[in-house]
Amino acid sequence: MDLLGHHFGEQLISRFGPVNWPPRSCDITHLDFFLWGYVKAKVYVDKPATIEALEANIERNIREILVTILERVIEIWHERIDRLKAS
């Protein structure tokens, strides 16, 4: 976080950043939550020391996500919406 805070300053979006952002947004889908968690778990494994290394890790890991995984996430999201509609 120090690296990001140093580079982005007041523009950093984080729960503990300079702006008090809510922990959730009603506009965020399960795909968003999946993507953040999945990529974050992989991106920080080697603890990138520079913004360039962090960007490279993010790009590489997003490219490596299998289409079948994304399709399953969307399928589960639709199932949850259907359950909400039925209740």
PDB file of N, CA and C in Angstrom:
ATOM      1  N   MET A   1       0.821  -1.191   0.000  1.00  0.00           N
ATOM      2  CA  MET A   1       0.000   0.000   0.000  1.00  0.00           C
ATOM      3  C   MET A   1       0.868   1.260   0.000  1.00  0.00           C
ATOM      4  N   ASP A   2       2.022   1.187   0.649  1.00  0.00           N
ATOM      5  CA  ASP A   2       2.891   2.361   0.673  1.00  0.00           C
ATOM      6  C   ASP A   2       3.341   2.733  -0.733  1.00  0.00           C
ATOM      7  N   LEU A   3       3.679   1.710  -1.527  1.00  0.00           N
ATOM      8  CA  LEU A   3       4.114   1.947  -2.902  1.00  0.00           C
ATOM      9  C   LEU A   3       2.996   2.610  -3.704  1.00  0.00           C
ATOM     10  N   LEU A   4       1.787   2.089  -3.585  1.00  0.00           N
ATOM     11  CA  LEU A   4       0.650   2.661  -4.308  1.00  0.00           C
ATOM     12  C   LEU A   4       0.330   4.069  -3.802  1.00  0.00           C
ATOM     13  N   GLY A   5       0.350   4.253  -2.486  1.00  0.00           N
ATOM     14  CA  GLY A   5       0.078   5.564  -1.909  1.00  0.00           C
ATOM     15  C   GLY A   5       1.095   6.600  -2.343  1.00  0.00           C
ATOM     16  N   HIS A   6       2.360   6.185  -2.406  1.00  0.00           N
ATOM     17  CA  HIS A   6       3.421   7.100  -2.843  1.00  0.00           C
ATOM     18  C   HIS A   6       3.222   7.498  -4.300  1.00  0.00           C
ATOM     19  N   HIS A   7       2.841   6.532  -5.120  1.00  0.00           N
ATOM     20  CA  HIS A   7       2.702   6.787  -6.559  1.00  0.00           C
ATOM     21  C   HIS A   7       1.410   7.536  -6.896  1.00  0.00           C
ATOM     22  N   PHE A   8       0.293   7.141  -6.281  1.00  0.00           N
ATOM     23  CA  PHE A   8      -1.003   7.700  -6.658  1.00  0.00           C
ATOM     24  C   PHE A   8      -1.518   8.792  -5.717  1.00  0.00           C
ATOM     25  N   GLY A   9      -0.978   8.885  -4.516  1.00  0.00           N
ATOM     26  CA  GLY A   9      -1.368   9.938  -3.577  1.00  0.00           C
ATOM     27  C   GLY A   9      -2.855   9.948  -3.278  1.00  0.00           C
ATOM     28  N   GLU A  10      -3.489  11.109  -3.428  1.00  0.00           N
ATOM     29  CA  GLU A  10      -4.911  11.290  -3.129  1.00  0.00           C
ATOM     30  C   GLU A  10      -5.828  10.529  -4.080  1.00  0.00           C
ATOM     31  N   GLN A  11      -5.304  10.033  -5.192  1.00  0.00           N
ATOM     32  CA  GLN A  11      -6.127   9.324  -6.173  1.00  0.00           C
ATOM     33  C   GLN A  11      -6.306   7.849  -5.830  1.00  0.00           C
ATOM     34  N   LEU A  12      -5.642   7.362  -4.805  1.00  0.00           N
ATOM     35  CA  LEU A  12      -5.719   5.955  -4.417  1.00  0.00           C
ATOM     36  C   LEU A  12      -7.110   5.631  -3.879  1.00  0.00           C
ATOM     37  N   ILE A  13      -7.710   4.571  -4.408  1.00  0.00           N
ATOM     38  CA  ILE A  13      -9.008   4.104  -3.925  1.00  0.00           C
ATOM     39  C   ILE A  13      -8.757   2.876  -3.062  1.00  0.00           C
ATOM     40  N   SER A  14      -9.046   2.991  -1.782  1.00  0.00           N
ATOM     41  CA  SER A  14      -8.781   1.916  -0.835  1.00  0.00           C
ATOM     42  C   SER A  14      -9.652   2.129   0.393  1.00  0.00           C
ATOM     43  N   ARG A  15      -9.925   1.046   1.117  1.00  0.00           N
ATOM     44  CA  ARG A  15     -10.726   1.182   2.338  1.00  0.00           C
ATOM     45  C   ARG A  15     -10.040   2.082   3.356  1.00  0.00           C
ATOM     46  N   PHE A  16      -8.717   2.103   3.355  1.00  0.00           N
ATOM     47  CA  PHE A  16      -7.987   2.889   4.349  1.00  0.00           C
ATOM     48  C   PHE A  16      -7.224   4.041   3.700  1.00  0.00           C
ATOM     49  N   GLY A  17      -7.684   4.472   2.539  1.00  0.00           N
ATOM     50  CA  GLY A  17      -7.033   5.554   1.813  1.00  0.00           C
ATOM     51  C   GLY A  17      -7.533   6.917   2.249  1.00  0.00           C
ATOM     52  N   PRO A  18      -7.145   7.958   1.513  1.00  0.00           N
ATOM     53  CA  PRO A  18      -7.510   9.325   1.884  1.00  0.00           C
ATOM     54  C   PRO A  18      -9.008   9.620   1.753  1.00  0.00           C
ATOM     55  N   VAL A  19      -9.722   8.857   0.925  1.00  0.00           N
ATOM     56  CA  VAL A  19     -11.167   9.035   0.762  1.00  0.00           C
ATOM     57  C   VAL A  19     -11.861   7.855   1.431  1.00  0.00           C
ATOM     58  N   ASN A  20     -12.882   8.111   2.229  1.00  0.00           N
ATOM     59  CA  ASN A  20     -13.587   7.055   2.949  1.00  0.00           C
ATOM     60  C   ASN A  20     -14.586   6.365   2.015  1.00  0.00           C
ATOM     61  N   TRP A  21     -14.112   5.403   1.231  1.00  0.00           N
ATOM     62  CA  TRP A  21     -14.964   4.673   0.297  1.00  0.00           C
ATOM     63  C   TRP A  21     -15.748   3.602   1.036  1.00  0.00           C
ATOM     64  N   PRO A  22     -16.996   3.360   0.650  1.00  0.00           N
ATOM     65  CA  PRO A  22     -17.771   2.289   1.284  1.00  0.00           C
ATOM     66  C   PRO A  22     -17.170   0.927   0.930  1.00  0.00           C
ATOM     67  N   PRO A  23     -17.319  -0.072   1.817  1.00  0.00           N
ATOM     68  CA  PRO A  23     -16.740  -1.389   1.547  1.00  0.00           C
ATOM     69  C   PRO A  23     -17.403  -2.113   0.385  1.00  0.00           C
ATOM     70  N   ARG A  24     -18.629  -1.735   0.025  1.00  0.00           N
ATOM     71  CA  ARG A  24     -19.344  -2.406  -1.067  1.00  0.00           C
ATOM     72  C   ARG A  24     -20.101  -1.376  -1.893  1.00  0.00           C
ATOM     73  N   SER A  25     -20.403  -1.764  -3.108  1.00  0.00           N
ATOM     74  CA  SER A  25     -21.229  -0.927  -3.973  1.00  0.00           C
ATOM     75  C   SER A  25     -22.320  -1.801  -4.563  1.00  0.00           C
ATOM     76  N   CYS A  26     -23.518  -1.273  -4.659  1.00  0.00           N
ATOM     77  CA  CYS A  26     -24.609  -2.058  -5.231  1.00  0.00           C
ATOM     78  C   CYS A  26     -24.405  -2.276  -6.728  1.00  0.00           C
ATOM     79  N   ASP A  27     -23.499  -1.540  -7.340  1.00  0.00           N
ATOM     80  CA  ASP A  27     -23.231  -1.692  -8.765  1.00  0.00           C
ATOM     81  C   ASP A  27     -22.189  -2.766  -9.063  1.00  0.00           C
ATOM     82  N   ILE A  28     -21.647  -3.382  -8.047  1.00  0.00           N
ATOM     83  CA  ILE A  28     -20.587  -4.371  -8.241  1.00  0.00           C
ATOM     84  C   ILE A  28     -21.202  -5.761  -8.356  1.00  0.00           C
ATOM     85  N   THR A  29     -20.781  -6.496  -9.371  1.00  0.00           N
ATOM     86  CA  THR A  29     -21.314  -7.835  -9.612  1.00  0.00           C
ATOM     87  C   THR A  29     -20.389  -8.894  -9.027  1.00  0.00           C
ATOM     88  N   HIS A  30     -20.854 -10.134  -9.056  1.00  0.00           N
ATOM     89  CA  HIS A  30     -20.027 -11.243  -8.586  1.00  0.00           C
ATOM     90  C   HIS A  30     -18.774 -11.382  -9.434  1.00  0.00           C
ATOM     91  N   LEU A  31     -18.886 -11.041 -10.705  1.00  0.00           N
ATOM     92  CA  LEU A  31     -17.711 -11.092 -11.569  1.00  0.00           C
ATOM     93  C   LEU A  31     -16.659 -10.100 -11.084  1.00  0.00           C
ATOM     94  N   ASP A  32     -17.096  -8.917 -10.643  1.00  0.00           N
ATOM     95  CA  ASP A  32     -16.153  -7.940 -10.096  1.00  0.00           C
ATOM     96  C   ASP A  32     -15.469  -8.496  -8.854  1.00  0.00           C
ATOM     97  N   PHE A  33     -16.255  -9.047  -7.926  1.00  0.00           N
ATOM     98  CA  PHE A  33     -15.676  -9.599  -6.704  1.00  0.00           C
ATOM     99  C   PHE A  33     -14.730 -10.750  -7.027  1.00  0.00           C
ATOM    100  N   PHE A  34     -15.145 -11.614  -7.935  1.00  0.00           N
ATOM    101  CA  PHE A  34     -14.291 -12.730  -8.332  1.00  0.00           C
ATOM    102  C   PHE A  34     -12.988 -12.207  -8.906  1.00  0.00           C
ATOM    103  N   LEU A  35     -13.092 -11.272  -9.843  1.00  0.00           N
ATOM    104  CA  LEU A  35     -11.906 -10.783 -10.530  1.00  0.00           C
ATOM    105  C   LEU A  35     -10.934 -10.154  -9.550  1.00  0.00           C
ATOM    106  N   TRP A  36     -11.441  -9.311  -8.651  1.00  0.00           N
ATOM    107  CA  TRP A  36     -10.558  -8.668  -7.683  1.00  0.00           C
ATOM    108  C   TRP A  36      -9.840  -9.697  -6.819  1.00  0.00           C
ATOM    109  N   GLY A  37     -10.599 -10.610  -6.244  1.00  0.00           N
ATOM    110  CA  GLY A  37      -9.996 -11.595  -5.347  1.00  0.00           C
ATOM    111  C   GLY A  37      -9.049 -12.536  -6.055  1.00  0.00           C
ATOM    112  N   TYR A  38      -9.464 -13.026  -7.200  1.00  0.00           N
ATOM    113  CA  TYR A  38      -8.665 -13.987  -7.966  1.00  0.00           C
ATOM    114  C   TYR A  38      -7.351 -13.366  -8.422  1.00  0.00           C
ATOM    115  N   VAL A  39      -7.443 -12.188  -9.021  1.00  0.00           N
ATOM    116  CA  VAL A  39      -6.237 -11.536  -9.539  1.00  0.00           C
ATOM    117  C   VAL A  39      -5.346 -11.075  -8.388  1.00  0.00           C
ATOM    118  N   LYS A  40      -5.926 -10.511  -7.349  1.00  0.00           N
ATOM    119  CA  LYS A  40      -5.134 -10.028  -6.215  1.00  0.00           C
ATOM    120  C   LYS A  40      -4.333 -11.158  -5.581  1.00  0.00           C
ATOM    121  N   ALA A  41      -4.962 -12.323  -5.447  1.00  0.00           N
ATOM    122  CA  ALA A  41      -4.275 -13.469  -4.850  1.00  0.00           C
ATOM    123  C   ALA A  41      -3.055 -13.875  -5.666  1.00  0.00           C
ATOM    124  N   LYS A  42      -3.110 -13.701  -6.976  1.00  0.00           N
ATOM    125  CA  LYS A  42      -2.004 -14.095  -7.841  1.00  0.00           C
ATOM    126  C   LYS A  42      -0.989 -12.972  -8.051  1.00  0.00           C
ATOM    127  N   VAL A  43      -1.463 -11.736  -8.120  1.00  0.00           N
ATOM    128  CA  VAL A  43      -0.603 -10.593  -8.448  1.00  0.00           C
ATOM    129  C   VAL A  43       0.440 -10.328  -7.369  1.00  0.00           C
ATOM    130  N   TYR A  44       0.068 -10.475  -6.111  1.00  0.00           N
ATOM    131  CA  TYR A  44       0.968 -10.107  -5.024  1.00  0.00           C
ATOM    132  C   TYR A  44       1.833 -11.258  -4.514  1.00  0.00           C
ATOM    133  N   VAL A  45       1.778 -12.417  -5.170  1.00  0.00           N
ATOM    134  CA  VAL A  45       2.566 -13.572  -4.721  1.00  0.00           C
ATOM    135  C   VAL A  45       4.054 -13.237  -4.679  1.00  0.00           C
ATOM    136  N   ASP A  46       4.557 -12.589  -5.735  1.00  0.00           N
ATOM    137  CA  ASP A  46       5.992 -12.289  -5.780  1.00  0.00           C
ATOM    138  C   ASP A  46       6.328 -10.886  -5.263  1.00  0.00           C
ATOM    139  N   LYS A  47       5.378 -10.221  -4.636  1.00  0.00           N
ATOM    140  CA  LYS A  47       5.561  -8.903  -4.021  1.00  0.00           C
ATOM    141  C   LYS A  47       6.259  -7.922  -4.971  1.00  0.00           C
ATOM    142  N   PRO A  48       5.545  -7.460  -6.002  1.00  0.00           N
ATOM    143  CA  PRO A  48       6.157  -6.539  -6.963  1.00  0.00           C
ATOM    144  C   PRO A  48       6.669  -5.273  -6.268  1.00  0.00           C
ATOM    145  N   ALA A  49       7.865  -4.851  -6.655  1.00  0.00           N
ATOM    146  CA  ALA A  49       8.518  -3.715  -5.999  1.00  0.00           C
ATOM    147  C   ALA A  49       8.297  -2.394  -6.722  1.00  0.00           C
ATOM    148  N   THR A  50       7.799  -2.445  -7.946  1.00  0.00           N
ATOM    149  CA  THR A  50       7.576  -1.218  -8.712  1.00  0.00           C
ATOM    150  C   THR A  50       6.173  -1.234  -9.308  1.00  0.00           C
ATOM    151  N   ILE A  51       5.703  -0.071  -9.707  1.00  0.00           N
ATOM    152  CA  ILE A  51       4.401   0.028 -10.368  1.00  0.00           C
ATOM    153  C   ILE A  51       4.421  -0.763 -11.666  1.00  0.00           C
ATOM    154  N   GLU A  52       5.542  -0.705 -12.378  1.00  0.00           N
ATOM    155  CA  GLU A  52       5.650  -1.422 -13.649  1.00  0.00           C
ATOM    156  C   GLU A  52       5.512  -2.930 -13.437  1.00  0.00           C
ATOM    157  N   ALA A  53       6.158  -3.451 -12.393  1.00  0.00           N
ATOM    158  CA  ALA A  53       6.063  -4.884 -12.086  1.00  0.00           C
ATOM    159  C   ALA A  53       4.638  -5.251 -11.685  1.00  0.00           C
ATOM    160  N   LEU A  54       3.993  -4.381 -10.921  1.00  0.00           N
ATOM    161  CA  LEU A  54       2.606  -4.614 -10.513  1.00  0.00           C
ATOM    162  C   LEU A  54       1.689  -4.635 -11.733  1.00  0.00           C
ATOM    163  N   GLU A  55       1.849  -3.659 -12.625  1.00  0.00           N
ATOM    164  CA  GLU A  55       1.034  -3.612 -13.843  1.00  0.00           C
ATOM    165  C   GLU A  55       1.250  -4.857 -14.695  1.00  0.00           C
ATOM    166  N   ALA A  56       2.505  -5.286 -14.832  1.00  0.00           N
ATOM    167  CA  ALA A  56       2.809  -6.483 -15.625  1.00  0.00           C
ATOM    168  C   ALA A  56       2.151  -7.716 -15.012  1.00  0.00           C
ATOM    169  N   ASN A  57       2.204  -7.831 -13.681  1.00  0.00           N
ATOM    170  CA  ASN A  57       1.564  -8.963 -13.004  1.00  0.00           C
ATOM    171  C   ASN A  57       0.052  -8.951 -13.227  1.00  0.00           C
ATOM    172  N   ILE A  58      -0.563  -7.774 -13.120  1.00  0.00           N
ATOM    173  CA  ILE A  58      -2.013  -7.667 -13.315  1.00  0.00           C
ATOM    174  C   ILE A  58      -2.384  -8.081 -14.732  1.00  0.00           C
ATOM    175  N   GLU A  59      -1.689  -7.523 -15.712  1.00  0.00           N
ATOM    176  CA  GLU A  59      -1.989  -7.839 -17.114  1.00  0.00           C
ATOM    177  C   GLU A  59      -1.815  -9.329 -17.395  1.00  0.00           C
ATOM    178  N   ARG A  60      -0.713  -9.901 -16.925  1.00  0.00           N
ATOM    179  CA  ARG A  60      -0.441 -11.321 -17.173  1.00  0.00           C
ATOM    180  C   ARG A  60      -1.513 -12.205 -16.538  1.00  0.00           C
ATOM    181  N   ASN A  61      -1.862 -11.913 -15.304  1.00  0.00           N
ATOM    182  CA  ASN A  61      -2.831 -12.765 -14.610  1.00  0.00           C
ATOM    183  C   ASN A  61      -4.240 -12.630 -15.165  1.00  0.00           C
ATOM    184  N   ILE A  62      -4.617 -11.458 -15.625  1.00  0.00           N
ATOM    185  CA  ILE A  62      -5.935 -11.309 -16.248  1.00  0.00           C
ATOM    186  C   ILE A  62      -5.974 -12.078 -17.564  1.00  0.00           C
ATOM    187  N   ARG A  63      -4.879 -12.004 -18.340  1.00  0.00           N
ATOM    188  CA  ARG A  63      -4.831 -12.742 -19.608  1.00  0.00           C
ATOM    189  C   ARG A  63      -4.912 -14.250 -19.393  1.00  0.00           C
ATOM    190  N   GLU A  64      -4.430 -14.736 -18.253  1.00  0.00           N
ATOM    191  CA  GLU A  64      -4.383 -16.176 -17.988  1.00  0.00           C
ATOM    192  C   GLU A  64      -5.699 -16.747 -17.453  1.00  0.00           C
ATOM    193  N   ILE A  65      -6.682 -15.902 -17.166  1.00  0.00           N
ATOM    194  CA  ILE A  65      -7.967 -16.411 -16.673  1.00  0.00           C
ATOM    195  C   ILE A  65      -8.662 -17.153 -17.808  1.00  0.00           C
ATOM    196  N   LEU A  66      -9.057 -18.377 -17.538  1.00  0.00           N
ATOM    197  CA  LEU A  66      -9.724 -19.189 -18.549  1.00  0.00           C
ATOM    198  C   LEU A  66     -11.156 -18.709 -18.773  1.00  0.00           C
ATOM    199  N   VAL A  67     -11.584 -18.746 -20.015  1.00  0.00           N
ATOM    200  CA  VAL A  67     -12.950 -18.344 -20.361  1.00  0.00           C
ATOM    201  C   VAL A  67     -13.961 -19.206 -19.612  1.00  0.00           C
ATOM    202  N   THR A  68     -13.658 -20.486 -19.434  1.00  0.00           N
ATOM    203  CA  THR A  68     -14.592 -21.375 -18.731  1.00  0.00           C
ATOM    204  C   THR A  68     -14.802 -20.927 -17.283  1.00  0.00           C
ATOM    205  N   ILE A  69     -13.766 -20.386 -16.670  1.00  0.00           N
ATOM    206  CA  ILE A  69     -13.897 -19.893 -15.295  1.00  0.00           C
ATOM    207  C   ILE A  69     -14.838 -18.692 -15.271  1.00  0.00           C
ATOM    208  N   LEU A  70     -14.655 -17.765 -16.200  1.00  0.00           N
ATOM    209  CA  LEU A  70     -15.519 -16.583 -16.255  1.00  0.00           C
ATOM    210  C   LEU A  70     -16.960 -16.970 -16.569  1.00  0.00           C
ATOM    211  N   GLU A  71     -17.140 -17.934 -17.464  1.00  0.00           N
ATOM    212  CA  GLU A  71     -18.493 -18.395 -17.790  1.00  0.00           C
ATOM    213  C   GLU A  71     -19.177 -18.970 -16.561  1.00  0.00           C
ATOM    214  N   ARG A  72     -18.438 -19.718 -15.749  1.00  0.00           N
ATOM    215  CA  ARG A  72     -19.009 -20.309 -14.535  1.00  0.00           C
ATOM    216  C   ARG A  72     -19.389 -19.220 -13.526  1.00  0.00           C
ATOM    217  N   VAL A  73     -18.551 -18.211 -13.385  1.00  0.00           N
ATOM    218  CA  VAL A  73     -18.859 -17.102 -12.475  1.00  0.00           C
ATOM    219  C   VAL A  73     -20.147 -16.405 -12.907  1.00  0.00           C
ATOM    220  N   ILE A  74     -20.293 -16.159 -14.200  1.00  0.00           N
ATOM    221  CA  ILE A  74     -21.507 -15.515 -14.720  1.00  0.00           C
ATOM    222  C   ILE A  74     -22.723 -16.416 -14.518  1.00  0.00           C
ATOM    223  N   GLU A  75     -22.545 -17.710 -14.720  1.00  0.00           N
ATOM    224  CA  GLU A  75     -23.638 -18.669 -14.515  1.00  0.00           C
ATOM    225  C   GLU A  75     -24.117 -18.641 -13.061  1.00  0.00           C
ATOM    226  N   ILE A  76     -23.190 -18.638 -12.125  1.00  0.00           N
ATOM    227  CA  ILE A  76     -23.540 -18.588 -10.701  1.00  0.00           C
ATOM    228  C   ILE A  76     -24.248 -17.270 -10.377  1.00  0.00           C
ATOM    229  N   TRP A  77     -23.781 -16.189 -10.973  1.00  0.00           N
ATOM    230  CA  TRP A  77     -24.408 -14.884 -10.764  1.00  0.00           C
ATOM    231  C   TRP A  77     -25.856 -14.905 -11.241  1.00  0.00           C
ATOM    232  N   HIS A  78     -26.103 -15.480 -12.417  1.00  0.00           N
ATOM    233  CA  HIS A  78     -27.473 -15.589 -12.931  1.00  0.00           C
ATOM    234  C   HIS A  78     -28.337 -16.460 -12.010  1.00  0.00           C
ATOM    235  N   GLU A  79     -27.771 -17.542 -11.489  1.00  0.00           N
ATOM    236  CA  GLU A  79     -28.514 -18.402 -10.566  1.00  0.00           C
ATOM    237  C   GLU A  79     -28.935 -17.614  -9.327  1.00  0.00           C
ATOM    238  N   ARG A  80     -28.039 -16.787  -8.815  1.00  0.00           N
ATOM    239  CA  ARG A  80     -28.364 -15.986  -7.628  1.00  0.00           C
ATOM    240  C   ARG A  80     -29.450 -14.957  -7.931  1.00  0.00           C
ATOM    241  N   ILE A  81     -29.376 -14.350  -9.092  1.00  0.00           N
ATOM    242  CA  ILE A  81     -30.416 -13.389  -9.485  1.00  0.00           C
ATOM    243  C   ILE A  81     -31.765 -14.092  -9.596  1.00  0.00           C
ATOM    244  N   ASP A  82     -31.779 -15.280 -10.194  1.00  0.00           N
ATOM    245  CA  ASP A  82     -33.025 -16.039 -10.320  1.00  0.00           C
ATOM    246  C   ASP A  82     -33.606 -16.377  -8.952  1.00  0.00           C
ATOM    247  N   ARG A  83     -32.746 -16.741  -7.995  1.00  0.00           N
ATOM    248  CA  ARG A  83     -33.223 -17.037  -6.646  1.00  0.00           C
ATOM    249  C   ARG A  83     -33.810 -15.793  -5.982  1.00  0.00           C
ATOM    250  N   LEU A  84     -33.188 -14.640  -6.221  1.00  0.00           N
ATOM    251  CA  LEU A  84     -33.726 -13.393  -5.670  1.00  0.00           C
ATOM    252  C   LEU A  84     -35.089 -13.066  -6.265  1.00  0.00           C
ATOM    253  N   LYS A  85     -35.219 -13.251  -7.567  1.00  0.00           N
ATOM    254  CA  LYS A  85     -36.498 -12.984  -8.229  1.00  0.00           C
ATOM    255  C   LYS A  85     -37.592 -13.904  -7.706  1.00  0.00           C
ATOM    256  N   ALA A  86     -37.233 -15.149  -7.404  1.00  0.00           N
ATOM    257  CA  ALA A  86     -38.207 -16.136  -6.941  1.00  0.00           C
ATOM    258  C   ALA A  86     -38.636 -15.887  -5.493  1.00  0.00           C
ATOM    259  N   SER A  87     -37.827 -15.172  -4.739  1.00  0.00           N
ATOM    260  CA  SER A  87     -38.162 -14.979  -3.317  1.00  0.00           C
ATOM    261  C   SER A  87     -39.039 -13.780  -3.070  1.00  0.00           C
TER     262      SER A  87
END
